[in-house]
Amino acid sequence: MRLAALLLLTSSLAFADDKPVRKVVPPADKLAAAAGEAFAKAKEADEAGKLDEAERLYRKAFAIAPHPFCQYNLADVLRRRNHISSAISAYKKYLEMEPTAADRKHVEKIVTDLEAMPGTIIIEVEESDALVFVDGQPLQRSKDPKNPFVLQLPAGPHTVDVITAISYDNETCNADHNSKRTCRFRLRPRVDGNVVISGPRSMSRMSKGHSGRPTIHTKGRFTLDPGKQPVFVAPSDNMQCKPVEIDVAKGDTVVTYVWIETPEKWPQYTAGKRPCVDLPYKQRVLRF
């Protein structure tokens, strides 16, 4: 079956009205007949506004006989379905398959614009006295205790810490491009400790203790003696140039909250040696 030609729209991407932007179908001899049939049906579904069906058929055509224009049109459908992360991946795949594409700069701008789209995270916490931190930064609770926290954040994972006088929870909440996501916290009745150590997703949950040093719990709440305390949070101590020196506050109703910025990737061995890293950190004394 010969493939019908698709109109090539060269105008700039219109996010406001979500207009389709499709590529011209290559000649029939460039695709297997089955792929061409799936492509033609995808076009029909696309034009009829049946975007879920169009997505399925563009994927089918690409699986049978990969062609960069399938990937481009799939990306445009995904964009209009508001599946932004998947659309970004598909546009990048198109550019990877078509390195000399005449519209490379235009597509790169589309990708840049999509990647810049923030996401909305809604944080719901039952406890009205809870202190909430996102990526180490405190949130201001509204005067209405039942009103959740609503934040616009860059797309990707964000660390949320919820602390009360007697409990604690830590979760990763993901912000999706141009979408809303709700993260609900139901704290355990009791989690003891006067210290909370948290960090980005690259910080793993672990307990560390050595002879002569206190045991620390990353992304957890635990107890340390008041005063200066050296803390290692790297997978092994030689990855960390020096310990983080936290100052544990005194008092029965205080919690020392420490945010330690761990790298996305820890350094690897080079020429038989592993370079160490210094870890930026900040701490706050929370009073309840």
C-alpha atoms as a PDB file:
ATOM      1  CA  MET A   1       0.000   0.000   0.000  1.00  0.00           C
ATOM      2  CA  ARG A   2       1.382   3.407  -0.943  1.00  0.00           C
ATOM      3  CA  LEU A   3       1.529   5.961   1.840  1.00  0.00           C
ATOM      4  CA  ALA A   4      -0.408   9.216   1.579  1.00  0.00           C
ATOM      5  CA  ALA A   5       1.728  12.353   1.841  1.00  0.00           C
ATOM      6  CA  LEU A   6       1.534  14.325   5.069  1.00  0.00           C
ATOM      7  CA  LEU A   7       1.621  18.086   5.160  1.00  0.00           C
ATOM      8  CA  LEU A   8       4.907  19.450   6.501  1.00  0.00           C
ATOM      9  CA  LEU A   9       4.220  22.341   8.825  1.00  0.00           C
ATOM     10  CA  THR A  10       7.239  24.566   9.243  1.00  0.00           C
ATOM     11  CA  SER A  11       5.722  27.172  11.503  1.00  0.00           C
ATOM     12  CA  SER A  12       6.970  27.455  15.081  1.00  0.00           C
ATOM     13  CA  LEU A  13       5.592  25.166  17.766  1.00  0.00           C
ATOM     14  CA  ALA A  14       2.304  26.483  19.163  1.00  0.00           C
ATOM     15  CA  PHE A  15       2.020  25.447  22.784  1.00  0.00           C
ATOM     16  CA  ALA A  16      -1.046  27.609  23.353  1.00  0.00           C
ATOM     17  CA  ASP A  17      -3.411  25.830  20.961  1.00  0.00           C
ATOM     18  CA  ASP A  18      -1.556  22.497  20.727  1.00  0.00           C
ATOM     19  CA  LYS A  19      -1.565  22.465  16.922  1.00  0.00           C
ATOM     20  CA  PRO A  20      -0.108  19.310  15.358  1.00  0.00           C
ATOM     21  CA  VAL A  21       3.266  19.556  13.615  1.00  0.00           C
ATOM     22  CA  ARG A  22       3.896  16.531  11.388  1.00  0.00           C
ATOM     23  CA  LYS A  23       6.606  15.359   9.019  1.00  0.00           C
ATOM     24  CA  VAL A  24       6.149  14.346   5.376  1.00  0.00           C
ATOM     25  CA  VAL A  25       5.934  10.588   5.002  1.00  0.00           C
ATOM     26  CA  PRO A  26       8.933   9.102   3.157  1.00  0.00           C
ATOM     27  CA  PRO A  27       8.344   7.220  -0.105  1.00  0.00           C
ATOM     28  CA  ALA A  28       6.727   3.812   0.208  1.00  0.00           C
ATOM     29  CA  ASP A  29       9.893   1.926  -0.738  1.00  0.00           C
ATOM     30  CA  LYS A  30      11.610   3.295   2.366  1.00  0.00           C
ATOM     31  CA  LEU A  31       9.279   1.490   4.742  1.00  0.00           C
ATOM     32  CA  ALA A  32       7.942  -2.013   4.825  1.00  0.00           C
ATOM     33  CA  ALA A  33       4.344  -2.268   3.664  1.00  0.00           C
ATOM     34  CA  ALA A  34       3.152  -3.147   7.168  1.00  0.00           C
ATOM     35  CA  ALA A  35       4.907  -0.145   8.659  1.00  0.00           C
ATOM     36  CA  GLY A  36       3.457   2.068   5.939  1.00  0.00           C
ATOM     37  CA  GLU A  37      -0.035   0.832   6.721  1.00  0.00           C
ATOM     38  CA  ALA A  38       0.452   1.513  10.439  1.00  0.00           C
ATOM     39  CA  PHE A  39       1.837   4.960   9.624  1.00  0.00           C
ATOM     40  CA  ALA A  40      -1.138   5.818   7.409  1.00  0.00           C
ATOM     41  CA  LYS A  41      -3.584   4.661  10.080  1.00  0.00           C
ATOM     42  CA  ALA A  42      -1.651   6.665  12.680  1.00  0.00           C
ATOM     43  CA  LYS A  43      -2.058   9.764  10.513  1.00  0.00           C
ATOM     44  CA  GLU A  44      -5.807   9.153  10.235  1.00  0.00           C
ATOM     45  CA  ALA A  45      -6.154   8.694  13.993  1.00  0.00           C
ATOM     46  CA  ASP A  46      -3.989  11.774  14.582  1.00  0.00           C
ATOM     47  CA  GLU A  47      -6.147  13.948  12.319  1.00  0.00           C
ATOM     48  CA  ALA A  48      -9.297  12.597  13.983  1.00  0.00           C
ATOM     49  CA  GLY A  49      -7.985  13.597  17.396  1.00  0.00           C
ATOM     50  CA  LYS A  50      -7.584   9.988  18.566  1.00  0.00           C
ATOM     51  CA  LEU A  51      -4.168  10.631  19.991  1.00  0.00           C
ATOM     52  CA  ASP A  52      -3.884   7.452  22.050  1.00  0.00           C
ATOM     53  CA  GLU A  53      -4.504   5.383  18.917  1.00  0.00           C
ATOM     54  CA  ALA A  54      -2.123   7.557  16.903  1.00  0.00           C
ATOM     55  CA  GLU A  55       0.595   7.044  19.507  1.00  0.00           C
ATOM     56  CA  ARG A  56       0.128   3.263  19.443  1.00  0.00           C
ATOM     57  CA  LEU A  57       0.285   3.110  15.636  1.00  0.00           C
ATOM     58  CA  TYR A  58       3.295   5.422  15.306  1.00  0.00           C
ATOM     59  CA  ARG A  59       5.084   3.170  17.792  1.00  0.00           C
ATOM     60  CA  LYS A  60       4.022   0.111  15.789  1.00  0.00           C
ATOM     61  CA  ALA A  61       5.293   1.579  12.510  1.00  0.00           C
ATOM     62  CA  PHE A  62       8.592   2.504  14.138  1.00  0.00           C
ATOM     63  CA  ALA A  63       8.984  -0.992  15.642  1.00  0.00           C
ATOM     64  CA  ILE A  64       8.479  -2.612  12.222  1.00  0.00           C
ATOM     65  CA  ALA A  65      10.736  -0.305  10.215  1.00  0.00           C
ATOM     66  CA  PRO A  66      12.409   2.492  12.225  1.00  0.00           C
ATOM     67  CA  HIS A  67      12.371   5.861  10.537  1.00  0.00           C
ATOM     68  CA  PRO A  68      13.161   9.259  12.121  1.00  0.00           C
ATOM     69  CA  PHE A  69       9.897  10.809  10.880  1.00  0.00           C
ATOM     70  CA  CYS A  70       7.929   8.207  12.867  1.00  0.00           C
ATOM     71  CA  GLN A  71       9.802   9.339  15.947  1.00  0.00           C
ATOM     72  CA  TYR A  72       9.174  13.020  15.172  1.00  0.00           C
ATOM     73  CA  ASN A  73       5.430  12.546  14.687  1.00  0.00           C
ATOM     74  CA  LEU A  74       5.268  10.380  17.808  1.00  0.00           C
ATOM     75  CA  ALA A  75       6.988  13.183  19.744  1.00  0.00           C
ATOM     76  CA  ASP A  76       4.419  15.690  18.499  1.00  0.00           C
ATOM     77  CA  VAL A  77       1.527  13.432  19.554  1.00  0.00           C
ATOM     78  CA  LEU A  78       3.088  12.911  22.969  1.00  0.00           C
ATOM     79  CA  ARG A  79       3.520  16.686  23.341  1.00  0.00           C
ATOM     80  CA  ARG A  80      -0.161  17.268  22.609  1.00  0.00           C
ATOM     81  CA  ARG A  81      -1.103  14.497  25.066  1.00  0.00           C
ATOM     82  CA  ASN A  82       0.958  16.358  27.682  1.00  0.00           C
ATOM     83  CA  HIS A  83       3.332  13.412  28.084  1.00  0.00           C
ATOM     84  CA  ILE A  84       6.183  15.875  28.113  1.00  0.00           C
ATOM     85  CA  SER A  85       9.045  13.684  29.356  1.00  0.00           C
ATOM     86  CA  SER A  86       8.255  11.041  26.737  1.00  0.00           C
ATOM     87  CA  ALA A  87       7.950  13.733  24.055  1.00  0.00           C
ATOM     88  CA  ILE A  88      11.395  15.073  24.958  1.00  0.00           C
ATOM     89  CA  SER A  89      12.874  11.587  24.613  1.00  0.00           C
ATOM     90  CA  ALA A  90      11.206  11.081  21.236  1.00  0.00           C
ATOM     91  CA  TYR A  91      12.416  14.444  19.864  1.00  0.00           C
ATOM     92  CA  LYS A  92      15.953  13.600  21.013  1.00  0.00           C
ATOM     93  CA  LYS A  93      15.677  10.184  19.337  1.00  0.00           C
ATOM     94  CA  TYR A  94      14.632  11.915  16.113  1.00  0.00           C
ATOM     95  CA  LEU A  95      17.710  14.158  16.247  1.00  0.00           C
ATOM     96  CA  GLU A  96      19.905  11.171  17.034  1.00  0.00           C
ATOM     97  CA  MET A  97      18.566   9.326  13.982  1.00  0.00           C
ATOM     98  CA  GLU A  98      18.665  12.421  11.761  1.00  0.00           C
ATOM     99  CA  PRO A  99      21.929  14.180  12.763  1.00  0.00           C
ATOM    100  CA  THR A 100      21.861  16.484   9.717  1.00  0.00           C
ATOM    101  CA  ALA A 101      18.153  17.363  10.007  1.00  0.00           C
ATOM    102  CA  ALA A 102      17.362  20.689   8.365  1.00  0.00           C
ATOM    103  CA  ASP A 103      15.092  21.571  11.298  1.00  0.00           C
ATOM    104  CA  ARG A 104      17.616  20.610  14.012  1.00  0.00           C
ATOM    105  CA  LYS A 105      17.734  24.088  15.580  1.00  0.00           C
ATOM    106  CA  HIS A 106      13.949  24.285  15.606  1.00  0.00           C
ATOM    107  CA  VAL A 107      13.614  20.871  17.244  1.00  0.00           C
ATOM    108  CA  GLU A 108      16.346  21.690  19.756  1.00  0.00           C
ATOM    109  CA  LYS A 109      14.373  24.788  20.723  1.00  0.00           C
ATOM    110  CA  ILE A 110      11.255  22.661  21.170  1.00  0.00           C
ATOM    111  CA  VAL A 111      13.213  20.359  23.491  1.00  0.00           C
ATOM    112  CA  THR A 112      14.613  23.311  25.437  1.00  0.00           C
ATOM    113  CA  ASP A 113      11.136  24.804  25.878  1.00  0.00           C
ATOM    114  CA  LEU A 114       9.670  21.478  26.983  1.00  0.00           C
ATOM    115  CA  GLU A 115      12.485  20.800  29.429  1.00  0.00           C
ATOM    116  CA  ALA A 116      11.911  24.225  30.983  1.00  0.00           C
ATOM    117  CA  MET A 117       8.291  23.400  31.820  1.00  0.00           C
ATOM    118  CA  PRO A 118       7.969  23.110  35.603  1.00  0.00           C
ATOM    119  CA  GLY A 119       5.718  20.703  37.432  1.00  0.00           C
ATOM    120  CA  THR A 120       3.350  21.234  40.346  1.00  0.00           C
ATOM    121  CA  ILE A 121       3.694  19.258  43.564  1.00  0.00           C
ATOM    122  CA  ILE A 122       0.904  19.296  46.133  1.00  0.00           C
ATOM    123  CA  ILE A 123       2.075  18.216  49.596  1.00  0.00           C
ATOM    124  CA  GLU A 124      -0.570  17.081  52.043  1.00  0.00           C
ATOM    125  CA  VAL A 125       0.394  16.636  55.702  1.00  0.00           C
ATOM    126  CA  GLU A 126      -2.098  15.658  58.408  1.00  0.00           C
ATOM    127  CA  GLU A 127      -0.185  17.135  61.347  1.00  0.00           C
ATOM    128  CA  SER A 128      -0.882  20.856  61.674  1.00  0.00           C
ATOM    129  CA  ASP A 129       2.334  21.434  63.660  1.00  0.00           C
ATOM    130  CA  ALA A 130       4.620  19.739  61.121  1.00  0.00           C
ATOM    131  CA  LEU A 131       7.595  21.575  59.655  1.00  0.00           C
ATOM    132  CA  VAL A 132       8.046  20.752  55.977  1.00  0.00           C
ATOM    133  CA  PHE A 133      11.245  21.076  53.923  1.00  0.00           C
ATOM    134  CA  VAL A 134      11.671  20.603  50.175  1.00  0.00           C
ATOM    135  CA  ASP A 135      15.253  20.089  49.007  1.00  0.00           C
ATOM    136  CA  GLY A 136      16.407  21.460  52.341  1.00  0.00           C
ATOM    137  CA  GLN A 137      14.344  24.647  52.150  1.00  0.00           C
ATOM    138  CA  PRO A 138      11.541  25.318  54.683  1.00  0.00           C
ATOM    139  CA  LEU A 139       7.995  25.854  53.456  1.00  0.00           C
ATOM    140  CA  GLN A 140       5.618  28.432  54.852  1.00  0.00           C
ATOM    141  CA  ARG A 141       2.320  26.937  55.952  1.00  0.00           C
ATOM    142  CA  SER A 142      -0.780  28.949  55.138  1.00  0.00           C
ATOM    143  CA  LYS A 143      -3.073  30.219  57.897  1.00  0.00           C
ATOM    144  CA  ASP A 144      -5.522  27.465  57.006  1.00  0.00           C
ATOM    145  CA  PRO A 145      -4.028  24.295  58.549  1.00  0.00           C
ATOM    146  CA  LYS A 146      -6.033  22.113  56.153  1.00  0.00           C
ATOM    147  CA  ASN A 147      -4.640  23.855  53.090  1.00  0.00           C
ATOM    148  CA  PRO A 148      -1.876  21.783  51.443  1.00  0.00           C
ATOM    149  CA  PHE A 149       1.417  23.142  50.202  1.00  0.00           C
ATOM    150  CA  VAL A 150       1.297  23.817  46.452  1.00  0.00           C
ATOM    151  CA  LEU A 151       4.655  24.301  44.739  1.00  0.00           C
ATOM    152  CA  GLN A 152       5.873  24.845  41.204  1.00  0.00           C
ATOM    153  CA  LEU A 153       9.239  23.117  40.853  1.00  0.00           C
ATOM    154  CA  PRO A 154      11.640  22.083  38.101  1.00  0.00           C
ATOM    155  CA  ALA A 155      10.702  18.707  36.674  1.00  0.00           C
ATOM    156  CA  GLY A 156      12.462  15.845  38.415  1.00  0.00           C
ATOM    157  CA  PRO A 157      12.850  14.333  41.888  1.00  0.00           C
ATOM    158  CA  HIS A 158      12.593  16.476  45.026  1.00  0.00           C
ATOM    159  CA  THR A 159      13.330  15.459  48.604  1.00  0.00           C
ATOM    160  CA  VAL A 160      10.588  16.228  51.120  1.00  0.00           C
ATOM    161  CA  ASP A 161      11.212  16.078  54.892  1.00  0.00           C
ATOM    162  CA  VAL A 162       8.328  16.335  57.349  1.00  0.00           C
ATOM    163  CA  ILE A 163       9.255  16.830  61.021  1.00  0.00           C
ATOM    164  CA  THR A 164       7.146  17.156  64.159  1.00  0.00           C
ATOM    165  CA  ALA A 165       8.110  17.191  67.828  1.00  0.00           C
ATOM    166  CA  ILE A 166       7.752  13.405  67.993  1.00  0.00           C
ATOM    167  CA  SER A 167       7.866  12.059  64.424  1.00  0.00           C
ATOM    168  CA  TYR A 168       9.532  12.259  61.018  1.00  0.00           C
ATOM    169  CA  ASP A 169       9.142  11.126  57.414  1.00  0.00           C
ATOM    170  CA  ASN A 170      11.208  11.485  54.263  1.00  0.00           C
ATOM    171  CA  GLU A 171      10.058  10.832  50.703  1.00  0.00           C
ATOM    172  CA  THR A 172      11.065  11.666  47.152  1.00  0.00           C
ATOM    173  CA  CYS A 173       8.302  13.507  45.259  1.00  0.00           C
ATOM    174  CA  ASN A 174       8.646  13.774  41.500  1.00  0.00           C
ATOM    175  CA  ALA A 175       7.536  16.878  39.628  1.00  0.00           C
ATOM    176  CA  ASP A 176       6.316  16.103  36.110  1.00  0.00           C
ATOM    177  CA  HIS A 177       6.527  18.626  33.272  1.00  0.00           C
ATOM    178  CA  ASN A 178       3.337  20.700  33.019  1.00  0.00           C
ATOM    179  CA  SER A 179       1.471  18.330  35.374  1.00  0.00           C
ATOM    180  CA  LYS A 180       0.281  18.111  38.964  1.00  0.00           C
ATOM    181  CA  ARG A 181       1.198  15.421  41.472  1.00  0.00           C
ATOM    182  CA  THR A 182       0.044  15.000  45.064  1.00  0.00           C
ATOM    183  CA  CYS A 183       2.367  13.625  47.749  1.00  0.00           C
ATOM    184  CA  ARG A 184       0.549  12.616  50.941  1.00  0.00           C
ATOM    185  CA  PHE A 185       2.325  12.138  54.246  1.00  0.00           C
ATOM    186  CA  ARG A 186       0.938  10.009  57.046  1.00  0.00           C
ATOM    187  CA  LEU A 187       3.577  10.066  59.757  1.00  0.00           C
ATOM    188  CA  ARG A 188       4.191   7.215  62.154  1.00  0.00           C
ATOM    189  CA  PRO A 189       2.977   7.996  65.676  1.00  0.00           C
ATOM    190  CA  ARG A 190       6.501   8.210  67.067  1.00  0.00           C
ATOM    191  CA  VAL A 191      10.036   8.524  65.684  1.00  0.00           C
ATOM    192  CA  ASP A 192      12.603   9.472  68.334  1.00  0.00           C
ATOM    193  CA  GLY A 193      15.763  11.528  67.959  1.00  0.00           C
ATOM    194  CA  ASN A 194      17.232  15.020  68.166  1.00  0.00           C
ATOM    195  CA  VAL A 195      18.931  14.970  64.725  1.00  0.00           C
ATOM    196  CA  VAL A 196      17.622  14.624  61.160  1.00  0.00           C
ATOM    197  CA  ILE A 197      20.112  14.268  58.303  1.00  0.00           C
ATOM    198  CA  SER A 198      18.746  14.572  54.778  1.00  0.00           C
ATOM    199  CA  GLY A 199      19.944  15.226  51.256  1.00  0.00           C
ATOM    200  CA  PRO A 200      19.109  14.840  47.545  1.00  0.00           C
ATOM    201  CA  ARG A 201      18.184  11.596  45.817  1.00  0.00           C
ATOM    202  CA  SER A 202      21.874  10.708  45.481  1.00  0.00           C
ATOM    203  CA  MET A 203      22.069  10.334  49.258  1.00  0.00           C
ATOM    204  CA  SER A 204      21.156   6.757  50.091  1.00  0.00           C
ATOM    205  CA  ARG A 205      19.424   5.664  53.277  1.00  0.00           C
ATOM    206  CA  MET A 206      21.946   4.002  55.523  1.00  0.00           C
ATOM    207  CA  SER A 207      23.248   3.616  59.053  1.00  0.00           C
ATOM    208  CA  LYS A 208      26.950   4.201  59.614  1.00  0.00           C
ATOM    209  CA  GLY A 209      29.016   3.732  62.715  1.00  0.00           C
ATOM    210  CA  HIS A 210      32.660   3.054  63.466  1.00  0.00           C
ATOM    211  CA  SER A 211      34.611   2.398  66.625  1.00  0.00           C
ATOM    212  CA  GLY A 212      34.784   5.613  68.591  1.00  0.00           C
ATOM    213  CA  ARG A 213      32.175   7.361  66.403  1.00  0.00           C
ATOM    214  CA  PRO A 214      28.440   7.652  66.912  1.00  0.00           C
ATOM    215  CA  THR A 215      26.098   5.815  64.558  1.00  0.00           C
ATOM    216  CA  ILE A 216      24.352   8.144  62.142  1.00  0.00           C
ATOM    217  CA  HIS A 217      21.281   7.482  59.990  1.00  0.00           C
ATOM    218  CA  THR A 218      20.962   9.298  56.670  1.00  0.00           C
ATOM    219  CA  LYS A 219      17.440  10.331  55.712  1.00  0.00           C
ATOM    220  CA  GLY A 220      16.418   9.365  59.203  1.00  0.00           C
ATOM    221  CA  ARG A 221      15.888  10.735  62.713  1.00  0.00           C
ATOM    222  CA  PHE A 222      18.227   9.595  65.477  1.00  0.00           C
ATOM    223  CA  THR A 223      20.000  10.746  68.635  1.00  0.00           C
ATOM    224  CA  LEU A 224      23.431  12.346  69.029  1.00  0.00           C
ATOM    225  CA  ASP A 225      25.022  13.973  72.043  1.00  0.00           C
ATOM    226  CA  PRO A 226      24.869  17.798  72.013  1.00  0.00           C
ATOM    227  CA  GLY A 227      27.925  19.600  70.660  1.00  0.00           C
ATOM    228  CA  LYS A 228      30.191  19.193  67.633  1.00  0.00           C
ATOM    229  CA  GLN A 229      29.799  15.867  65.876  1.00  0.00           C
ATOM    230  CA  PRO A 230      31.767  14.665  62.809  1.00  0.00           C
ATOM    231  CA  VAL A 231      29.557  12.987  60.201  1.00  0.00           C
ATOM    232  CA  PHE A 232      30.492  10.890  57.171  1.00  0.00           C
ATOM    233  CA  VAL A 233      27.686  10.210  54.677  1.00  0.00           C
ATOM    234  CA  ALA A 234      29.667   8.974  51.641  1.00  0.00           C
ATOM    235  CA  PRO A 235      29.393   5.280  50.778  1.00  0.00           C
ATOM    236  CA  SER A 236      32.966   4.971  52.087  1.00  0.00           C
ATOM    237  CA  ASP A 237      34.843   7.483  54.227  1.00  0.00           C
ATOM    238  CA  ASN A 238      37.701   8.002  51.748  1.00  0.00           C
ATOM    239  CA  MET A 239      35.225   9.488  49.248  1.00  0.00           C
ATOM    240  CA  GLN A 240      34.656  12.395  51.645  1.00  0.00           C
ATOM    241  CA  CYS A 241      37.617  14.754  52.063  1.00  0.00           C
ATOM    242  CA  LYS A 242      36.596  15.652  55.596  1.00  0.00           C
ATOM    243  CA  PRO A 243      33.636  15.002  57.865  1.00  0.00           C
ATOM    244  CA  VAL A 244      30.678  17.321  58.043  1.00  0.00           C
ATOM    245  CA  GLU A 245      30.948  18.985  61.444  1.00  0.00           C
ATOM    246  CA  ILE A 246      27.416  19.460  62.719  1.00  0.00           C
ATOM    247  CA  ASP A 247      26.609  21.299  65.928  1.00  0.00           C
ATOM    248  CA  VAL A 248      23.901  19.355  67.743  1.00  0.00           C
ATOM    249  CA  ALA A 249      21.708  21.713  69.775  1.00  0.00           C
ATOM    250  CA  LYS A 250      20.839  21.126  73.419  1.00  0.00           C
ATOM    251  CA  GLY A 251      17.288  20.760  74.649  1.00  0.00           C
ATOM    252  CA  ASP A 252      14.474  18.262  74.942  1.00  0.00           C
ATOM    253  CA  THR A 253      12.205  19.994  72.423  1.00  0.00           C
ATOM    254  CA  VAL A 254      14.693  20.825  69.675  1.00  0.00           C
ATOM    255  CA  VAL A 255      15.765  18.967  66.543  1.00  0.00           C
ATOM    256  CA  THR A 256      18.918  19.743  64.570  1.00  0.00           C
ATOM    257  CA  TYR A 257      18.037  19.460  60.884  1.00  0.00           C
ATOM    258  CA  VAL A 258      21.014  19.006  58.540  1.00  0.00           C
ATOM    259  CA  TRP A 259      20.859  19.125  54.744  1.00  0.00           C
ATOM    260  CA  ILE A 260      23.980  17.694  53.082  1.00  0.00           C
ATOM    261  CA  GLU A 261      24.442  18.207  49.334  1.00  0.00           C
ATOM    262  CA  THR A 262      25.775  14.921  48.000  1.00  0.00           C
ATOM    263  CA  PRO A 263      26.945  14.687  44.356  1.00  0.00           C
ATOM    264  CA  GLU A 264      24.772  13.075  41.704  1.00  0.00           C
ATOM    265  CA  LYS A 265      27.630  10.632  41.103  1.00  0.00           C
ATOM    266  CA  TRP A 266      30.459   9.874  43.480  1.00  0.00           C
ATOM    267  CA  PRO A 267      33.987  10.018  41.985  1.00  0.00           C
ATOM    268  CA  GLN A 268      35.441   6.832  40.520  1.00  0.00           C
ATOM    269  CA  TYR A 269      38.967   5.491  40.777  1.00  0.00           C
ATOM    270  CA  THR A 270      41.445   7.114  38.373  1.00  0.00           C
ATOM    271  CA  ALA A 271      44.985   5.754  38.068  1.00  0.00           C
ATOM    272  CA  GLY A 272      44.440   3.682  41.160  1.00  0.00           C
ATOM    273  CA  LYS A 273      43.187   6.603  43.232  1.00  0.00           C
ATOM    274  CA  ARG A 274      39.752   7.942  44.038  1.00  0.00           C
ATOM    275  CA  PRO A 275      39.473  11.735  44.419  1.00  0.00           C
ATOM    276  CA  CYS A 276      37.562  12.864  47.499  1.00  0.00           C
ATOM    277  CA  VAL A 277      34.846  15.521  47.602  1.00  0.00           C
ATOM    278  CA  ASP A 278      33.878  18.231  50.064  1.00  0.00           C
ATOM    279  CA  LEU A 279      30.175  18.220  50.866  1.00  0.00           C
ATOM    280  CA  PRO A 280      28.358  21.554  51.262  1.00  0.00           C
ATOM    281  CA  TYR A 281      25.822  21.497  54.070  1.00  0.00           C
ATOM    282  CA  LYS A 282      23.558  23.693  56.150  1.00  0.00           C
ATOM    283  CA  GLN A 283      21.814  23.097  59.425  1.00  0.00           C
ATOM    284  CA  ARG A 284      18.869  24.547  61.313  1.00  0.00           C
ATOM    285  CA  VAL A 285      17.702  24.240  64.878  1.00  0.00           C
ATOM    286  CA  LEU A 286      13.983  23.436  64.961  1.00  0.00           C
ATOM    287  CA  ARG A 287      12.128  24.275  68.162  1.00  0.00           C
ATOM    288  CA  PHE A 288       8.788  22.725  69.027  1.00  0.00           C
END
